[in-house]
């Protein structure tokens, strides 16, 4: 009945104990819509089961409940081929996080400590940046050392949106990154930081990046004229 789909303890029992796979799928879907986090452990458990549609509905429910790792399965070009149905989703899972506003920032920052890929880092960083929360800066500093150059590039680029003088030396080191796009994004952020970056740039003695540092100094000084 419709009433049963608002009875959270009953839905949890169905998901946990029922032998009717259709009922279990429906229970997973309903628990996501109702938004009760008591369902999260069971939904994660259902993701390990062999029945594909049960996994699909459980993943959708977990995304609604703010499970950031499950959301990753639904994001753009990095989406793994876990299930064919996931390729057809027409929603943006981050839209379920956005209504929580600033209350979601801490959770997003916690997930960005271990970025699963560069798309997740980019979207999560943009979410935090809209609130101007500088707690993101130290998280991005760690990402500047990541082995994935795409994560380094995104972190370098996003630091320009939360300008801090303490970021400058870290960004300057990336001017000589083995991957050009990382150095380019670091240069973009140094330009965004502007005059506050000049003292660190003027201290550069490393011959590998000195010319680029001089070029940035000239560009930043020209912006003030």
Protein backbone atom coordinates (compact mmCIF):
# COMPACT_ATOMS: atom_id res chain seq x y z
CA UNK A 1 0.00 0.00 0.00
CA UNK A 2 1.03 3.65 -0.31
CA UNK A 3 1.02 3.92 3.47
CA UNK A 4 3.66 1.19 3.70
CA UNK A 5 6.02 3.33 1.62
CA UNK A 6 6.14 5.89 4.44
CA UNK A 7 6.77 3.33 7.19
CA UNK A 8 10.54 3.42 7.46
CA UNK A 9 11.01 0.49 9.92
CA UNK A 10 8.84 -1.70 7.67
CA UNK A 11 10.79 -0.66 4.58
CA UNK A 12 14.05 -1.48 6.32
CA UNK A 13 12.69 -4.92 7.26
CA UNK A 14 11.61 -5.55 3.66
CA UNK A 15 15.00 -4.55 2.28
CA UNK A 16 16.77 -6.68 4.87
CA UNK A 17 14.64 -9.80 5.02
CA UNK A 18 12.24 -10.12 2.08
CA UNK A 19 12.78 -12.86 -0.51
CA UNK A 20 10.70 -10.87 -3.06
CA UNK A 21 13.25 -9.00 -5.17
CA UNK A 22 10.63 -6.59 -6.55
CA UNK A 23 9.62 -5.61 -3.02
CA UNK A 24 13.25 -5.11 -2.07
CA UNK A 25 13.86 -2.83 -5.07
CA UNK A 26 10.78 -0.80 -4.20
CA UNK A 27 11.87 -0.55 -0.57
CA UNK A 28 15.34 0.69 -1.59
CA UNK A 29 13.80 3.35 -3.84
CA UNK A 30 11.35 4.48 -1.15
CA UNK A 31 14.06 4.73 1.54
CA UNK A 32 16.05 7.05 -0.69
CA UNK A 33 13.04 9.26 -1.36
CA UNK A 34 12.19 9.44 2.35
CA UNK A 35 15.77 10.42 3.17
CA UNK A 36 16.26 8.44 6.38
CA UNK A 37 19.94 7.71 7.02
CA UNK A 38 19.11 4.63 9.11
CA UNK A 39 18.83 2.87 5.77
CA UNK A 40 22.41 3.59 4.68
CA UNK A 41 24.12 0.43 6.08
CA UNK A 42 21.52 -1.86 4.49
CA UNK A 43 21.63 -0.02 1.18
CA UNK A 44 25.41 -0.35 1.08
CA UNK A 45 25.03 -4.04 1.82
CA UNK A 46 22.53 -4.37 -1.04
CA UNK A 47 25.14 -2.87 -3.37
CA UNK A 48 27.19 -6.04 -2.86
CA UNK A 49 24.42 -8.37 -4.03
CA UNK A 50 24.29 -9.93 -7.51
CA UNK A 51 20.87 -8.60 -8.58
CA UNK A 52 21.64 -5.65 -10.84
CA UNK A 53 18.42 -3.68 -10.52
CA UNK A 54 18.49 -3.97 -6.73
CA UNK A 55 22.02 -2.53 -6.83
CA UNK A 56 20.86 0.24 -9.16
CA UNK A 57 17.97 1.33 -6.93
CA UNK A 58 20.16 1.06 -3.83
CA UNK A 59 22.80 3.27 -5.48
CA UNK A 60 20.17 5.87 -6.36
CA UNK A 61 18.90 5.81 -2.77
CA UNK A 62 22.41 6.20 -1.37
CA UNK A 63 23.05 9.16 -3.64
CA UNK A 64 19.89 10.81 -2.34
CA UNK A 65 21.12 10.14 1.20
CA UNK A 66 24.42 11.93 0.54
CA UNK A 67 26.75 8.98 0.00
CA UNK A 68 29.45 10.79 -1.95
CA UNK A 69 31.29 7.68 -3.12
CA UNK A 70 28.14 6.26 -4.67
CA UNK A 71 27.61 9.62 -6.36
CA UNK A 72 30.93 9.12 -8.10
CA UNK A 73 29.41 6.26 -10.06
CA UNK A 74 27.09 8.77 -11.69
CA UNK A 75 29.55 11.51 -12.66
CA UNK A 76 30.43 12.15 -16.28
CA UNK A 77 33.33 10.60 -18.11
CA UNK A 78 34.74 8.96 -15.00
CA UNK A 79 31.56 6.95 -14.40
CA UNK A 80 32.52 3.26 -14.21
CA UNK A 81 30.46 0.71 -16.10
CA UNK A 82 29.05 -0.79 -12.94
CA UNK A 83 25.58 -1.20 -14.41
CA UNK A 84 24.15 -0.40 -17.84
CA UNK A 85 21.27 1.47 -16.22
CA UNK A 86 23.64 3.93 -14.60
CA UNK A 87 24.64 5.20 -18.01
CA UNK A 88 21.05 6.38 -18.55
CA UNK A 89 20.55 8.46 -15.43
CA UNK A 90 19.26 11.95 -16.18
CA UNK A 91 19.94 13.54 -12.77
CA UNK A 92 22.90 15.29 -11.21
CA UNK A 93 23.52 13.68 -7.80
CA UNK A 94 25.18 16.81 -6.46
CA UNK A 95 21.82 18.54 -6.77
CA UNK A 96 20.77 16.56 -3.71
CA UNK A 97 23.67 17.98 -1.72
CA UNK A 98 23.20 21.60 -2.76
CA UNK A 99 19.96 22.25 -0.81
CA UNK A 100 21.83 21.54 2.44
CA UNK A 101 23.98 24.58 1.69
CA UNK A 102 26.67 25.39 4.23
CA UNK A 103 25.59 22.46 6.40
CA UNK A 104 27.00 20.13 3.73
CA UNK A 105 30.40 21.82 3.51
CA UNK A 106 32.04 19.78 6.27
CA UNK A 107 30.92 16.52 4.69
CA UNK A 108 32.18 17.58 1.28
CA UNK A 109 35.54 18.65 2.72
CA UNK A 110 35.91 15.27 4.43
CA UNK A 111 35.38 13.50 1.11
CA UNK A 112 37.82 15.76 -0.71
CA UNK A 113 40.58 14.62 1.66
CA UNK A 114 40.56 11.44 -0.42
CA UNK A 115 39.56 12.57 -3.91
CA UNK A 116 38.44 9.63 -6.01
CA UNK A 117 39.13 11.47 -9.25
CA UNK A 118 39.53 14.94 -10.67
CA UNK A 119 35.86 15.40 -11.54
CA UNK A 120 34.84 14.78 -7.95
CA UNK A 121 37.50 17.21 -6.73
CA UNK A 122 36.39 19.89 -9.21
CA UNK A 123 32.69 19.66 -8.39
CA UNK A 124 33.26 19.38 -4.64
CA UNK A 125 35.68 22.31 -4.61
CA UNK A 126 33.22 24.47 -6.55
CA UNK A 127 30.53 23.61 -4.00
CA UNK A 128 32.72 24.78 -1.11
CA UNK A 129 34.07 27.83 -2.95
CA UNK A 130 30.57 29.29 -3.31
CA UNK A 131 30.54 29.67 0.49
CA UNK A 132 34.04 31.18 0.54
CA UNK A 133 35.17 28.59 3.09
CA UNK A 134 38.97 28.73 3.32
CA UNK A 135 39.08 25.35 5.07
CA UNK A 136 39.22 24.04 1.50
CA UNK A 137 42.67 25.58 0.99
CA UNK A 138 44.59 23.09 3.13
CA UNK A 139 42.71 20.22 1.47
CA UNK A 140 43.78 21.51 -1.95
CA UNK A 141 47.38 21.88 -0.76
CA UNK A 142 47.46 18.13 -0.12
CA UNK A 143 46.01 17.49 -3.57
CA UNK A 144 48.86 19.45 -5.17
CA UNK A 145 51.08 16.45 -4.36
CA UNK A 146 48.70 13.82 -5.74
CA UNK A 147 50.11 11.26 -8.18
CA UNK A 148 47.27 11.93 -10.65
CA UNK A 149 48.26 15.03 -12.63
CA UNK A 150 44.60 15.86 -13.27
CA UNK A 151 43.97 16.14 -9.54
CA UNK A 152 47.07 18.34 -9.19
CA UNK A 153 45.81 20.55 -12.01
CA UNK A 154 42.32 20.96 -10.55
CA UNK A 155 43.69 21.70 -7.07
CA UNK A 156 46.09 24.30 -8.46
CA UNK A 157 43.32 25.96 -10.44
CA UNK A 158 40.82 26.11 -7.56
CA UNK A 159 43.34 27.73 -5.19
CA UNK A 160 43.02 30.89 -7.24
CA UNK A 161 39.39 31.19 -6.16
CA UNK A 162 40.37 31.34 -2.48
CA UNK A 163 43.47 33.56 -2.66
CA UNK A 164 45.96 33.10 0.15
CA UNK A 165 49.56 34.25 0.24
CA UNK A 166 50.52 30.93 1.83
CA UNK A 167 49.47 29.13 -1.36
CA UNK A 168 51.98 30.99 -3.52
CA UNK A 169 55.14 29.01 -2.81
CA UNK A 170 53.26 25.74 -3.32
CA UNK A 171 51.89 26.94 -6.65
CA UNK A 172 55.29 28.22 -7.75
CA UNK A 173 56.75 24.74 -7.27
CA UNK A 174 54.17 23.43 -9.74
CA UNK A 175 55.31 25.82 -12.46
CA UNK A 176 57.91 23.18 -13.24
CA UNK A 177 55.54 20.20 -13.10
CA UNK A 178 56.30 17.44 -15.58
CA UNK A 179 52.81 17.89 -17.05
CA UNK A 180 52.33 21.27 -18.72
CA UNK A 181 48.66 21.68 -17.85
CA UNK A 182 49.51 21.53 -14.13
CA UNK A 183 51.99 24.38 -14.50
CA UNK A 184 49.47 26.34 -16.57
CA UNK A 185 46.77 26.02 -13.90
CA UNK A 186 49.26 27.04 -11.19
CA UNK A 187 50.18 30.11 -13.24
CA UNK A 188 46.49 30.98 -13.65
CA UNK A 189 46.01 30.92 -9.88
CA UNK A 190 49.11 33.00 -9.20
CA UNK A 191 47.71 35.63 -11.56
CA UNK A 192 44.39 35.48 -9.69
CA UNK A 193 46.16 35.92 -6.36
CA UNK A 194 47.81 38.95 -7.92
CA UNK A 195 50.05 41.35 -5.97
CA UNK A 196 50.15 39.06 -2.94
CA UNK A 197 52.03 36.53 -5.10
CA UNK A 198 54.79 38.97 -6.10
CA UNK A 199 57.10 38.54 -3.06
CA UNK A 200 57.23 34.77 -3.51
CA UNK A 201 57.69 35.03 -7.28
CA UNK A 202 60.55 37.51 -6.87
CA UNK A 203 62.40 35.04 -4.64
CA UNK A 204 62.52 32.32 -7.32
CA UNK A 205 66.08 31.27 -8.11
CA UNK A 206 65.45 27.86 -9.67
CA UNK A 207 66.60 28.16 -13.28
CA UNK A 208 63.92 25.68 -14.41
CA UNK A 209 61.09 28.05 -13.50
CA UNK A 210 62.80 31.44 -13.22
CA UNK A 211 61.77 32.61 -16.69
CA UNK A 212 58.16 31.70 -16.07
CA UNK A 213 58.21 33.42 -12.70
CA UNK A 214 59.58 36.59 -14.33
CA UNK A 215 56.84 36.43 -16.95
CA UNK A 216 54.20 36.17 -14.23
CA UNK A 217 55.72 39.10 -12.33
CA UNK A 218 55.46 41.24 -15.44
CA UNK A 219 51.86 40.17 -16.08
CA UNK A 220 50.75 40.83 -12.50
CA UNK A 221 52.46 44.22 -12.36
CA UNK A 222 50.89 45.17 -15.70
CA UNK A 223 47.43 44.36 -14.28
CA UNK A 224 47.89 47.11 -11.71
CA UNK A 225 48.85 49.74 -14.27
